[in-house]
Amino acid sequence: DFWIELARALGVPALRGGFVPRADPGAGDDAPLLVVARAGPVRAQAVQALRGAGHEVHEVEAPAAARARVNGGEAFDAILVDLDGLDADAVRVLLGLRETLGAAATPILGLRGSQD
């Protein structure tokens, strides 16, 4: 699969399974998570699961909006991106976002709405 190969090439470990609840929900010392996805079931399910696990979650529609927020100084513990339907321009923005984060090493994780 293209996305798995891209992740390997970028040195991103593959993750499987559900979301892990925070050890101390509501502690307030963590940065929020950012979900990058068009409105729809993938985004809704991810946001619901993450909030249910006690995480603060911010949402944007596109990788360009995520990059603008990071460039604007916002910090996130992780950025979760819906990989389905991304075009070449969106992939370039994501790769640029990875460059922007640099030493901060904020994880960028991929979400998929299907198992194919």
PDB file of N, CA and C in Angstrom:
ATOM      1  N   ASP A   1       0.846  -1.181   0.000  1.00  0.00           N
ATOM      2  CA  ASP A   1       0.000   0.000   0.000  1.00  0.00           C
ATOM      3  C   ASP A   1       0.889   1.241   0.000  1.00  0.00           C
ATOM      4  N   PHE A   2       0.541   2.228  -0.798  1.00  0.00           N
ATOM      5  CA  PHE A   2       1.343   3.442  -0.959  1.00  0.00           C
ATOM      6  C   PHE A   2       1.644   4.122   0.362  1.00  0.00           C
ATOM      7  N   TRP A   3       0.624   4.280   1.226  1.00  0.00           N
ATOM      8  CA  TRP A   3       0.800   5.039   2.464  1.00  0.00           C
ATOM      9  C   TRP A   3       1.736   4.329   3.434  1.00  0.00           C
ATOM     10  N   ILE A   4       1.675   3.027   3.477  1.00  0.00           N
ATOM     11  CA  ILE A   4       2.575   2.277   4.359  1.00  0.00           C
ATOM     12  C   ILE A   4       4.009   2.422   3.864  1.00  0.00           C
ATOM     13  N   GLU A   5       4.211   2.347   2.554  1.00  0.00           N
ATOM     14  CA  GLU A   5       5.553   2.510   1.994  1.00  0.00           C
ATOM     15  C   GLU A   5       6.080   3.923   2.224  1.00  0.00           C
ATOM     16  N   LEU A   6       5.211   4.918   2.077  1.00  0.00           N
ATOM     17  CA  LEU A   6       5.615   6.304   2.334  1.00  0.00           C
ATOM     18  C   LEU A   6       6.021   6.474   3.794  1.00  0.00           C
ATOM     19  N   ALA A   7       5.228   5.915   4.698  1.00  0.00           N
ATOM     20  CA  ALA A   7       5.558   6.006   6.127  1.00  0.00           C
ATOM     21  C   ALA A   7       6.904   5.349   6.411  1.00  0.00           C
ATOM     22  N   ARG A   8       7.149   4.189   5.823  1.00  0.00           N
ATOM     23  CA  ARG A   8       8.443   3.512   6.016  1.00  0.00           C
ATOM     24  C   ARG A   8       9.580   4.385   5.496  1.00  0.00           C
ATOM     25  N   ALA A   9       9.378   4.972   4.327  1.00  0.00           N
ATOM     26  CA  ALA A   9      10.423   5.820   3.735  1.00  0.00           C
ATOM     27  C   ALA A   9      10.721   7.031   4.609  1.00  0.00           C
ATOM     28  N   LEU A  10       9.700   7.542   5.297  1.00  0.00           N
ATOM     29  CA  LEU A  10       9.876   8.704   6.163  1.00  0.00           C
ATOM     30  C   LEU A  10      10.273   8.318   7.585  1.00  0.00           C
ATOM     31  N   GLY A  11      10.349   7.003   7.846  1.00  0.00           N
ATOM     32  CA  GLY A  11      10.740   6.552   9.176  1.00  0.00           C
ATOM     33  C   GLY A  11       9.638   6.630  10.215  1.00  0.00           C
ATOM     34  N   VAL A  12       8.379   6.605   9.773  1.00  0.00           N
ATOM     35  CA  VAL A  12       7.245   6.676  10.688  1.00  0.00           C
ATOM     36  C   VAL A  12       6.804   5.262  11.044  1.00  0.00           C
ATOM     37  N   PRO A  13       6.754   4.923  12.341  1.00  0.00           N
ATOM     38  CA  PRO A  13       6.333   3.565  12.700  1.00  0.00           C
ATOM     39  C   PRO A  13       4.857   3.338  12.390  1.00  0.00           C
ATOM     40  N   ALA A  14       4.533   2.136  11.947  1.00  0.00           N
ATOM     41  CA  ALA A  14       3.141   1.783  11.665  1.00  0.00           C
ATOM     42  C   ALA A  14       2.417   1.514  12.983  1.00  0.00           C
ATOM     43  N   LEU A  15       1.223   2.048  13.133  1.00  0.00           N
ATOM     44  CA  LEU A  15       0.423   1.851  14.332  1.00  0.00           C
ATOM     45  C   LEU A  15      -0.876   1.153  13.964  1.00  0.00           C
ATOM     46  N   ARG A  16      -1.288   0.224  14.762  1.00  0.00           N
ATOM     47  CA  ARG A  16      -2.558  -0.478  14.556  1.00  0.00           C
ATOM     48  C   ARG A  16      -3.319  -0.471  15.877  1.00  0.00           C
ATOM     49  N   GLY A  17      -4.633  -0.619  15.811  1.00  0.00           N
ATOM     50  CA  GLY A  17      -5.424  -0.717  17.028  1.00  0.00           C
ATOM     51  C   GLY A  17      -6.132   0.585  17.343  1.00  0.00           C
ATOM     52  N   GLY A  18      -6.716   0.645  18.537  1.00  0.00           N
ATOM     53  CA  GLY A  18      -7.523   1.785  18.946  1.00  0.00           C
ATOM     54  C   GLY A  18      -6.712   2.877  19.603  1.00  0.00           C
ATOM     55  N   PHE A  19      -7.424   3.865  20.074  1.00  0.00           N
ATOM     56  CA  PHE A  19      -6.805   4.978  20.768  1.00  0.00           C
ATOM     57  C   PHE A  19      -6.574   4.620  22.229  1.00  0.00           C
ATOM     58  N   VAL A  20      -5.483   5.078  22.773  1.00  0.00           N
ATOM     59  CA  VAL A  20      -5.146   4.800  24.170  1.00  0.00           C
ATOM     60  C   VAL A  20      -5.633   5.956  25.031  1.00  0.00           C
ATOM     61  N   PRO A  21      -6.422   5.676  26.068  1.00  0.00           N
ATOM     62  CA  PRO A  21      -6.875   6.758  26.944  1.00  0.00           C
ATOM     63  C   PRO A  21      -5.702   7.409  27.660  1.00  0.00           C
ATOM     64  N   ARG A  22      -5.841   8.690  27.935  1.00  0.00           N
ATOM     65  CA  ARG A  22      -4.828   9.399  28.697  1.00  0.00           C
ATOM     66  C   ARG A  22      -4.784   8.843  30.111  1.00  0.00           C
ATOM     67  N   ALA A  23      -3.612   8.853  30.702  1.00  0.00           N
ATOM     68  CA  ALA A  23      -3.448   8.346  32.061  1.00  0.00           C
ATOM     69  C   ALA A  23      -4.235   9.192  33.053  1.00  0.00           C
ATOM     70  N   ASP A  24      -4.263  10.502  32.840  1.00  0.00           N
ATOM     71  CA  ASP A  24      -4.943  11.408  33.753  1.00  0.00           C
ATOM     72  C   ASP A  24      -5.797  12.386  32.948  1.00  0.00           C
ATOM     73  N   PRO A  25      -6.986  11.953  32.476  1.00  0.00           N
ATOM     74  CA  PRO A  25      -7.819  12.836  31.664  1.00  0.00           C
ATOM     75  C   PRO A  25      -8.107  14.142  32.385  1.00  0.00           C
ATOM     76  N   GLY A  26      -7.989  15.236  31.632  1.00  0.00           N
ATOM     77  CA  GLY A  26      -8.314  16.535  32.189  1.00  0.00           C
ATOM     78  C   GLY A  26      -7.187  17.168  32.977  1.00  0.00           C
ATOM     79  N   ALA A  27      -5.989  16.593  32.944  1.00  0.00           N
ATOM     80  CA  ALA A  27      -4.880  17.150  33.705  1.00  0.00           C
ATOM     81  C   ALA A  27      -4.502  18.530  33.185  1.00  0.00           C
ATOM     82  N   GLY A  28      -4.721  18.772  31.891  1.00  0.00           N
ATOM     83  CA  GLY A  28      -4.517  20.099  31.339  1.00  0.00           C
ATOM     84  C   GLY A  28      -3.079  20.457  31.012  1.00  0.00           C
ATOM     85  N   ASP A  29      -2.134  19.548  31.188  1.00  0.00           N
ATOM     86  CA  ASP A  29      -0.741  19.885  30.917  1.00  0.00           C
ATOM     87  C   ASP A  29      -0.282  19.438  29.534  1.00  0.00           C
ATOM     88  N   ASP A  30      -1.144  18.823  28.757  1.00  0.00           N
ATOM     89  CA  ASP A  30      -0.793  18.358  27.420  1.00  0.00           C
ATOM     90  C   ASP A  30      -1.325  19.325  26.378  1.00  0.00           C
ATOM     91  N   ALA A  31      -0.624  19.384  25.245  1.00  0.00           N
ATOM     92  CA  ALA A  31      -1.129  20.147  24.111  1.00  0.00           C
ATOM     93  C   ALA A  31      -2.272  19.348  23.479  1.00  0.00           C
ATOM     94  N   PRO A  32      -3.166  20.019  22.763  1.00  0.00           N
ATOM     95  CA  PRO A  32      -4.270  19.293  22.124  1.00  0.00           C
ATOM     96  C   PRO A  32      -3.779  18.452  20.952  1.00  0.00           C
ATOM     97  N   LEU A  33      -4.661  17.618  20.463  1.00  0.00           N
ATOM     98  CA  LEU A  33      -4.440  16.858  19.242  1.00  0.00           C
ATOM     99  C   LEU A  33      -5.129  17.603  18.108  1.00  0.00           C
ATOM    100  N   LEU A  34      -4.617  17.459  16.895  1.00  0.00           N
ATOM    101  CA  LEU A  34      -5.230  18.085  15.734  1.00  0.00           C
ATOM    102  C   LEU A  34      -5.645  16.998  14.755  1.00  0.00           C
ATOM    103  N   VAL A  35      -6.927  16.981  14.390  1.00  0.00           N
ATOM    104  CA  VAL A  35      -7.443  16.039  13.397  1.00  0.00           C
ATOM    105  C   VAL A  35      -7.644  16.804  12.089  1.00  0.00           C
ATOM    106  N   VAL A  36      -7.003  16.294  11.028  1.00  0.00           N
ATOM    107  CA  VAL A  36      -7.076  16.907   9.705  1.00  0.00           C
ATOM    108  C   VAL A  36      -7.878  15.967   8.808  1.00  0.00           C
ATOM    109  N   ALA A  37      -9.131  16.349   8.545  1.00  0.00           N
ATOM    110  CA  ALA A  37     -10.002  15.501   7.721  1.00  0.00           C
ATOM    111  C   ALA A  37     -11.217  16.310   7.297  1.00  0.00           C
ATOM    112  N   ARG A  38     -11.725  15.954   6.107  1.00  0.00           N
ATOM    113  CA  ARG A  38     -12.995  16.549   5.691  1.00  0.00           C
ATOM    114  C   ARG A  38     -14.076  16.083   6.649  1.00  0.00           C
ATOM    115  N   ALA A  39     -15.093  16.919   6.816  1.00  0.00           N
ATOM    116  CA  ALA A  39     -16.221  16.525   7.663  1.00  0.00           C
ATOM    117  C   ALA A  39     -16.809  15.230   7.126  1.00  0.00           C
ATOM    118  N   GLY A  40     -17.094  14.306   8.004  1.00  0.00           N
ATOM    119  CA  GLY A  40     -17.642  13.020   7.602  1.00  0.00           C
ATOM    120  C   GLY A  40     -17.403  11.990   8.685  1.00  0.00           C
ATOM    121  N   PRO A  41     -17.708  10.724   8.392  1.00  0.00           N
ATOM    122  CA  PRO A  41     -17.646   9.691   9.418  1.00  0.00           C
ATOM    123  C   PRO A  41     -16.244   9.427   9.976  1.00  0.00           C
ATOM    124  N   VAL A  42     -15.202   9.493   9.148  1.00  0.00           N
ATOM    125  CA  VAL A  42     -13.849   9.239   9.657  1.00  0.00           C
ATOM    126  C   VAL A  42     -13.488  10.293  10.699  1.00  0.00           C
ATOM    127  N   ARG A  43     -13.725  11.529  10.356  1.00  0.00           N
ATOM    128  CA  ARG A  43     -13.414  12.632  11.276  1.00  0.00           C
ATOM    129  C   ARG A  43     -14.269  12.537  12.532  1.00  0.00           C
ATOM    130  N   ALA A  44     -15.559  12.328  12.370  1.00  0.00           N
ATOM    131  CA  ALA A  44     -16.461  12.271  13.519  1.00  0.00           C
ATOM    132  C   ALA A  44     -16.076  11.144  14.476  1.00  0.00           C
ATOM    133  N   GLN A  45     -15.760   9.971  13.936  1.00  0.00           N
ATOM    134  CA  GLN A  45     -15.401   8.833  14.783  1.00  0.00           C
ATOM    135  C   GLN A  45     -14.076   9.071  15.491  1.00  0.00           C
ATOM    136  N   ALA A  46     -13.103   9.624  14.784  1.00  0.00           N
ATOM    137  CA  ALA A  46     -11.800   9.895  15.394  1.00  0.00           C
ATOM    138  C   ALA A  46     -11.934  10.911  16.518  1.00  0.00           C
ATOM    139  N   VAL A  47     -12.638  11.996  16.248  1.00  0.00           N
ATOM    140  CA  VAL A  47     -12.808  13.051  17.256  1.00  0.00           C
ATOM    141  C   VAL A  47     -13.564  12.510  18.466  1.00  0.00           C
ATOM    142  N   GLN A  48     -14.628  11.760  18.228  1.00  0.00           N
ATOM    143  CA  GLN A  48     -15.411  11.195  19.332  1.00  0.00           C
ATOM    144  C   GLN A  48     -14.550  10.263  20.187  1.00  0.00           C
ATOM    145  N   ALA A  49     -13.770   9.389  19.548  1.00  0.00           N
ATOM    146  CA  ALA A  49     -12.930   8.445  20.290  1.00  0.00           C
ATOM    147  C   ALA A  49     -11.854   9.169  21.089  1.00  0.00           C
ATOM    148  N   LEU A  50     -11.234  10.161  20.473  1.00  0.00           N
ATOM    149  CA  LEU A  50     -10.169  10.895  21.158  1.00  0.00           C
ATOM    150  C   LEU A  50     -10.707  11.711  22.331  1.00  0.00           C
ATOM    151  N   ARG A  51     -11.823  12.386  22.116  1.00  0.00           N
ATOM    152  CA  ARG A  51     -12.428  13.156  23.221  1.00  0.00           C
ATOM    153  C   ARG A  51     -12.916  12.220  24.321  1.00  0.00           C
ATOM    154  N   GLY A  52     -13.467  11.081  23.926  1.00  0.00           N
ATOM    155  CA  GLY A  52     -13.917  10.097  24.906  1.00  0.00           C
ATOM    156  C   GLY A  52     -12.773   9.552  25.741  1.00  0.00           C
ATOM    157  N   ALA A  53     -11.563   9.570  25.179  1.00  0.00           N
ATOM    158  CA  ALA A  53     -10.373   9.113  25.903  1.00  0.00           C
ATOM    159  C   ALA A  53      -9.755  10.242  26.728  1.00  0.00           C
ATOM    160  N   GLY A  54     -10.396  11.418  26.709  1.00  0.00           N
ATOM    161  CA  GLY A  54      -9.943  12.512  27.554  1.00  0.00           C
ATOM    162  C   GLY A  54      -9.031  13.527  26.904  1.00  0.00           C
ATOM    163  N   HIS A  55      -8.880  13.460  25.583  1.00  0.00           N
ATOM    164  CA  HIS A  55      -7.995  14.391  24.876  1.00  0.00           C
ATOM    165  C   HIS A  55      -8.744  15.639  24.435  1.00  0.00           C
ATOM    166  N   GLU A  56      -8.063  16.764  24.447  1.00  0.00           N
ATOM    167  CA  GLU A  56      -8.578  17.974  23.810  1.00  0.00           C
ATOM    168  C   GLU A  56      -8.275  17.840  22.327  1.00  0.00           C
ATOM    169  N   VAL A  57      -9.275  18.074  21.480  1.00  0.00           N
ATOM    170  CA  VAL A  57      -9.119  17.855  20.045  1.00  0.00           C
ATOM    171  C   VAL A  57      -9.516  19.110  19.281  1.00  0.00           C
ATOM    172  N   HIS A  58      -8.657  19.518  18.345  1.00  0.00           N
ATOM    173  CA  HIS A  58      -8.972  20.585  17.412  1.00  0.00           C
ATOM    174  C   HIS A  58      -9.145  19.940  16.042  1.00  0.00           C
ATOM    175  N   GLU A  59      -9.947  20.578  15.178  1.00  0.00           N
ATOM    176  CA  GLU A  59     -10.251  19.991  13.875  1.00  0.00           C
ATOM    177  C   GLU A  59     -10.032  21.019  12.762  1.00  0.00           C
ATOM    178  N   VAL A  60      -9.478  20.554  11.639  1.00  0.00           N
ATOM    179  CA  VAL A  60      -9.390  21.360  10.428  1.00  0.00           C
ATOM    180  C   VAL A  60      -9.740  20.482   9.237  1.00  0.00           C
ATOM    181  N   GLU A  61     -10.110  21.127   8.134  1.00  0.00           N
ATOM    182  CA  GLU A  61     -10.561  20.403   6.943  1.00  0.00           C
ATOM    183  C   GLU A  61      -9.429  19.906   6.047  1.00  0.00           C
ATOM    184  N   ALA A  62      -8.286  20.607   6.023  1.00  0.00           N
ATOM    185  CA  ALA A  62      -7.261  20.299   5.021  1.00  0.00           C
ATOM    186  C   ALA A  62      -5.856  20.461   5.601  1.00  0.00           C
ATOM    187  N   PRO A  63      -4.872  19.778   4.998  1.00  0.00           N
ATOM    188  CA  PRO A  63      -3.489  19.913   5.448  1.00  0.00           C
ATOM    189  C   PRO A  63      -2.986  21.359   5.444  1.00  0.00           C
ATOM    190  N   ALA A  64      -3.429  22.167   4.476  1.00  0.00           N
ATOM    191  CA  ALA A  64      -2.994  23.568   4.432  1.00  0.00           C
ATOM    192  C   ALA A  64      -3.439  24.318   5.690  1.00  0.00           C
ATOM    193  N   ALA A  65      -4.626  24.016   6.188  1.00  0.00           N
ATOM    194  CA  ALA A  65      -5.114  24.662   7.416  1.00  0.00           C
ATOM    195  C   ALA A  65      -4.296  24.212   8.628  1.00  0.00           C
ATOM    196  N   ALA A  66      -3.894  22.941   8.635  1.00  0.00           N
ATOM    197  CA  ALA A  66      -3.038  22.445   9.726  1.00  0.00           C
ATOM    198  C   ALA A  66      -1.696  23.157   9.708  1.00  0.00           C
ATOM    199  N   ARG A  67      -1.133  23.292   8.534  1.00  0.00           N
ATOM    200  CA  ARG A  67       0.170  23.965   8.421  1.00  0.00           C
ATOM    201  C   ARG A  67       0.060  25.421   8.867  1.00  0.00           C
ATOM    202  N   ALA A  68      -1.021  26.087   8.508  1.00  0.00           N
ATOM    203  CA  ALA A  68      -1.217  27.483   8.921  1.00  0.00           C
ATOM    204  C   ALA A  68      -1.272  27.598  10.444  1.00  0.00           C
ATOM    205  N   ARG A  69      -1.930  26.652  11.095  1.00  0.00           N
ATOM    206  CA  ARG A  69      -2.023  26.695  12.559  1.00  0.00           C
ATOM    207  C   ARG A  69      -0.664  26.451  13.203  1.00  0.00           C
ATOM    208  N   VAL A  70       0.101  25.503  12.663  1.00  0.00           N
ATOM    209  CA  VAL A  70       1.441  25.240  13.193  1.00  0.00           C
ATOM    210  C   VAL A  70       2.341  26.451  12.940  1.00  0.00           C
ATOM    211  N   ASN A  71       2.286  27.002  11.735  1.00  0.00           N
ATOM    212  CA  ASN A  71       3.089  28.185  11.419  1.00  0.00           C
ATOM    213  C   ASN A  71       2.679  29.376  12.283  1.00  0.00           C
ATOM    214  N   GLY A  72       1.433  29.393  12.729  1.00  0.00           N
ATOM    215  CA  GLY A  72       0.940  30.456  13.598  1.00  0.00           C
ATOM    216  C   GLY A  72       1.352  30.286  15.059  1.00  0.00           C
ATOM    217  N   GLY A  73       2.078  29.215  15.351  1.00  0.00           N
ATOM    218  CA  GLY A  73       2.599  29.038  16.706  1.00  0.00           C
ATOM    219  C   GLY A  73       1.842  28.058  17.582  1.00  0.00           C
ATOM    220  N   GLU A  74       0.776  27.447  17.065  1.00  0.00           N
ATOM    221  CA  GLU A  74       0.050  26.473  17.884  1.00  0.00           C
ATOM    222  C   GLU A  74       0.858  25.184  18.008  1.00  0.00           C
ATOM    223  N   ALA A  75       0.794  24.567  19.178  1.00  0.00           N
ATOM    224  CA  ALA A  75       1.496  23.308  19.431  1.00  0.00           C
ATOM    225  C   ALA A  75       0.478  22.195  19.609  1.00  0.00           C
ATOM    226  N   PHE A  76       0.803  21.027  19.090  1.00  0.00           N
ATOM    227  CA  PHE A  76      -0.063  19.862  19.195  1.00  0.00           C
ATOM    228  C   PHE A  76       0.770  18.667  19.643  1.00  0.00           C
ATOM    229  N   ASP A  77       0.176  17.800  20.458  1.00  0.00           N
ATOM    230  CA  ASP A  77       0.866  16.567  20.853  1.00  0.00           C
ATOM    231  C   ASP A  77       0.991  15.615  19.679  1.00  0.00           C
ATOM    232  N   ALA A  78       0.002  15.632  18.786  1.00  0.00           N
ATOM    233  CA  ALA A  78       0.033  14.802  17.582  1.00  0.00           C
ATOM    234  C   ALA A  78      -0.936  15.394  16.570  1.00  0.00           C
ATOM    235  N   ILE A  79      -0.674  15.107  15.305  1.00  0.00           N
ATOM    236  CA  ILE A  79      -1.552  15.522  14.218  1.00  0.00           C
ATOM    237  C   ILE A  79      -2.011  14.254  13.513  1.00  0.00           C
ATOM    238  N   LEU A  80      -3.325  14.058  13.453  1.00  0.00           N
ATOM    239  CA  LEU A  80      -3.904  12.875  12.819  1.00  0.00           C
ATOM    240  C   LEU A  80      -4.532  13.292  11.498  1.00  0.00           C
ATOM    241  N   VAL A  81      -4.147  12.621  10.411  1.00  0.00           N
ATOM    242  CA  VAL A  81      -4.565  13.016   9.068  1.00  0.00           C
ATOM    243  C   VAL A  81      -5.324  11.876   8.399  1.00  0.00           C
ATOM    244  N   ASP A  82      -6.507  12.196   7.846  1.00  0.00           N
ATOM    245  CA  ASP A  82      -7.265  11.221   7.049  1.00  0.00           C
ATOM    246  C   ASP A  82      -6.565  11.086   5.707  1.00  0.00           C
ATOM    247  N   LEU A  83      -6.022   9.911   5.430  1.00  0.00           N
ATOM    248  CA  LEU A  83      -5.247   9.682   4.212  1.00  0.00           C
ATOM    249  C   LEU A  83      -6.109   9.445   2.981  1.00  0.00           C
ATOM    250  N   ASP A  84      -7.356   9.044   3.184  1.00  0.00           N
ATOM    251  CA  ASP A  84      -8.228   8.752   2.040  1.00  0.00           C
ATOM    252  C   ASP A  84      -8.556  10.038   1.283  1.00  0.00           C
ATOM    253  N   GLY A  85      -8.347  10.005  -0.009  1.00  0.00           N
ATOM    254  CA  GLY A  85      -8.726  11.129  -0.855  1.00  0.00           C
ATOM    255  C   GLY A  85      -7.710  12.256  -0.927  1.00  0.00           C
ATOM    256  N   LEU A  86      -6.528  12.097  -0.330  1.00  0.00           N
ATOM    257  CA  LEU A  86      -5.522  13.148  -0.438  1.00  0.00           C
ATOM    258  C   LEU A  86      -4.982  13.192  -1.862  1.00  0.00           C
ATOM    259  N   ASP A  87      -4.817  14.396  -2.383  1.00  0.00           N
ATOM    260  CA  ASP A  87      -4.206  14.529  -3.700  1.00  0.00           C
ATOM    261  C   ASP A  87      -2.732  14.887  -3.540  1.00  0.00           C
ATOM    262  N   ALA A  88      -2.031  14.994  -4.653  1.00  0.00           N
ATOM    263  CA  ALA A  88      -0.586  15.248  -4.614  1.00  0.00           C
ATOM    264  C   ALA A  88      -0.256  16.557  -3.896  1.00  0.00           C
ATOM    265  N   ASP A  89      -1.068  17.595  -4.086  1.00  0.00           N
ATOM    266  CA  ASP A  89      -0.811  18.871  -3.417  1.00  0.00           C
ATOM    267  C   ASP A  89      -0.918  18.733  -1.906  1.00  0.00           C
ATOM    268  N   ALA A  90      -1.909  17.995  -1.440  1.00  0.00           N
ATOM    269  CA  ALA A  90      -2.081  17.792  -0.007  1.00  0.00           C
ATOM    270  C   ALA A  90      -0.904  17.003   0.578  1.00  0.00           C
ATOM    271  N   VAL A  91      -0.410  16.023  -0.170  1.00  0.00           N
ATOM    272  CA  VAL A  91       0.748  15.251   0.289  1.00  0.00           C
ATOM    273  C   VAL A  91       1.965  16.164   0.400  1.00  0.00           C
ATOM    274  N   ARG A  92       2.154  17.063  -0.572  1.00  0.00           N
ATOM    275  CA  ARG A  92       3.269  18.014  -0.499  1.00  0.00           C
ATOM    276  C   ARG A  92       3.150  18.915   0.724  1.00  0.00           C
ATOM    277  N   VAL A  93       1.940  19.352   1.021  1.00  0.00           N
ATOM    278  CA  VAL A  93       1.732  20.192   2.203  1.00  0.00           C
ATOM    279  C   VAL A  93       2.073  19.414   3.467  1.00  0.00           C
ATOM    280  N   LEU A  94       1.652  18.142   3.528  1.00  0.00           N
ATOM    281  CA  LEU A  94       1.977  17.321   4.701  1.00  0.00           C
ATOM    282  C   LEU A  94       3.476  17.140   4.862  1.00  0.00           C
ATOM    283  N   LEU A  95       4.167  16.894   3.763  1.00  0.00           N
ATOM    284  CA  LEU A  95       5.622  16.753   3.833  1.00  0.00           C
ATOM    285  C   LEU A  95       6.259  18.064   4.274  1.00  0.00           C
ATOM    286  N   GLY A  96       5.725  19.180   3.806  1.00  0.00           N
ATOM    287  CA  GLY A  96       6.211  20.491   4.243  1.00  0.00           C
ATOM    288  C   GLY A  96       5.929  20.731   5.712  1.00  0.00           C
ATOM    289  N   LEU A  97       4.789  20.256   6.174  1.00  0.00           N
ATOM    290  CA  LEU A  97       4.446  20.376   7.588  1.00  0.00           C
ATOM    291  C   LEU A  97       5.459  19.617   8.432  1.00  0.00           C
ATOM    292  N   ARG A  98       5.817  18.431   7.988  1.00  0.00           N
ATOM    293  CA  ARG A  98       6.833  17.632   8.693  1.00  0.00           C
ATOM    294  C   ARG A  98       8.136  18.426   8.786  1.00  0.00           C
ATOM    295  N   GLU A  99       8.528  19.094   7.687  1.00  0.00           N
ATOM    296  CA  GLU A  99       9.728  19.930   7.682  1.00  0.00           C
ATOM    297  C   GLU A  99       9.587  21.091   8.661  1.00  0.00           C
ATOM    298  N   THR A 100       8.414  21.731   8.671  1.00  0.00           N
ATOM    299  CA  THR A 100       8.162  22.870   9.557  1.00  0.00           C
ATOM    300  C   THR A 100       8.316  22.468  11.014  1.00  0.00           C
ATOM    301  N   LEU A 101       7.845  21.278  11.351  1.00  0.00           N
ATOM    302  CA  LEU A 101       7.911  20.823  12.739  1.00  0.00           C
ATOM    303  C   LEU A 101       9.340  20.538  13.170  1.00  0.00           C
ATOM    304  N   GLY A 102      10.174  20.118  12.227  1.00  0.00           N
ATOM    305  CA  GLY A 102      11.590  19.911  12.476  1.00  0.00           C
ATOM    306  C   GLY A 102      11.884  19.157  13.753  1.00  0.00           C
ATOM    307  N   ALA A 103      12.680  19.776  14.610  1.00  0.00           N
ATOM    308  CA  ALA A 103      13.144  19.129  15.839  1.00  0.00           C
ATOM    309  C   ALA A 103      12.012  18.904  16.838  1.00  0.00           C
ATOM    310  N   ALA A 104      10.890  19.587  16.655  1.00  0.00           N
ATOM    311  CA  ALA A 104       9.778  19.405  17.588  1.00  0.00           C
ATOM    312  C   ALA A 104       9.257  17.975  17.548  1.00  0.00           C
ATOM    313  N   ALA A 105       9.412  17.332  16.391  1.00  0.00           N
ATOM    314  CA  ALA A 105       9.050  15.921  16.218  1.00  0.00           C
ATOM    315  C   ALA A 105       7.615  15.598  16.638  1.00  0.00           C
ATOM    316  N   THR A 106       6.690  16.491  16.365  1.00  0.00           N
ATOM    317  CA  THR A 106       5.286  16.196  16.600  1.00  0.00           C
ATOM    318  C   THR A 106       4.891  15.053  15.676  1.00  0.00           C
ATOM    319  N   PRO A 107       4.362  13.963  16.217  1.00  0.00           N
ATOM    320  CA  PRO A 107       3.977  12.851  15.348  1.00  0.00           C
ATOM    321  C   PRO A 107       2.820  13.232  14.421  1.00  0.00           C
ATOM    322  N   ILE A 108       2.915  12.801  13.177  1.00  0.00           N
ATOM    323  CA  ILE A 108       1.815  12.930  12.223  1.00  0.00           C
ATOM    324  C   ILE A 108       1.368  11.510  11.917  1.00  0.00           C
ATOM    325  N   LEU A 109       0.130  11.190  12.301  1.00  0.00           N
ATOM    326  CA  LEU A 109      -0.399   9.833  12.167  1.00  0.00           C
ATOM    327  C   LEU A 109      -1.486   9.821  11.093  1.00  0.00           C
ATOM    328  N   GLY A 110      -1.530   8.749  10.317  1.00  0.00           N
ATOM    329  CA  GLY A 110      -2.527   8.606   9.274  1.00  0.00           C
ATOM    330  C   GLY A 110      -3.758   7.855   9.763  1.00  0.00           C
ATOM    331  N   LEU A 111      -4.919   8.315   9.311  1.00  0.00           N
ATOM    332  CA  LEU A 111      -6.193   7.638   9.574  1.00  0.00           C
ATOM    333  C   LEU A 111      -6.729   7.118   8.250  1.00  0.00           C
ATOM    334  N   ARG A 112      -7.361   5.968   8.282  1.00  0.00           N
ATOM    335  CA  ARG A 112      -8.002   5.417   7.094  1.00  0.00           C
ATOM    336  C   ARG A 112      -9.418   5.033   7.470  1.00  0.00           C
ATOM    337  N   GLY A 113     -10.359   5.351   6.578  1.00  0.00           N
ATOM    338  CA  GLY A 113     -11.743   5.042   6.828  1.00  0.00           C
ATOM    339  C   GLY A 113     -12.144   3.646   6.430  1.00  0.00           C
ATOM    340  N   SER A 114     -11.268   2.941   5.708  1.00  0.00           N
ATOM    341  CA  SER A 114     -11.588   1.593   5.256  1.00  0.00           C
ATOM    342  C   SER A 114     -10.379   0.701   5.461  1.00  0.00           C
ATOM    343  N   GLN A 115     -10.596  -0.599   5.331  1.00  0.00           N
ATOM    344  CA  GLN A 115      -9.531  -1.562   5.521  1.00  0.00           C
ATOM    345  C   GLN A 115      -8.919  -2.040   4.215  1.00  0.00           C
ATOM    346  N   ASP A 116      -9.316  -1.454   3.058  1.00  0.00           N
ATOM    347  CA  ASP A 116      -8.782  -1.929   1.772  1.00  0.00           C
ATOM    348  C   ASP A 116      -7.422  -1.376   1.454  1.00  0.00           C
TER     349      ASP A 116
END
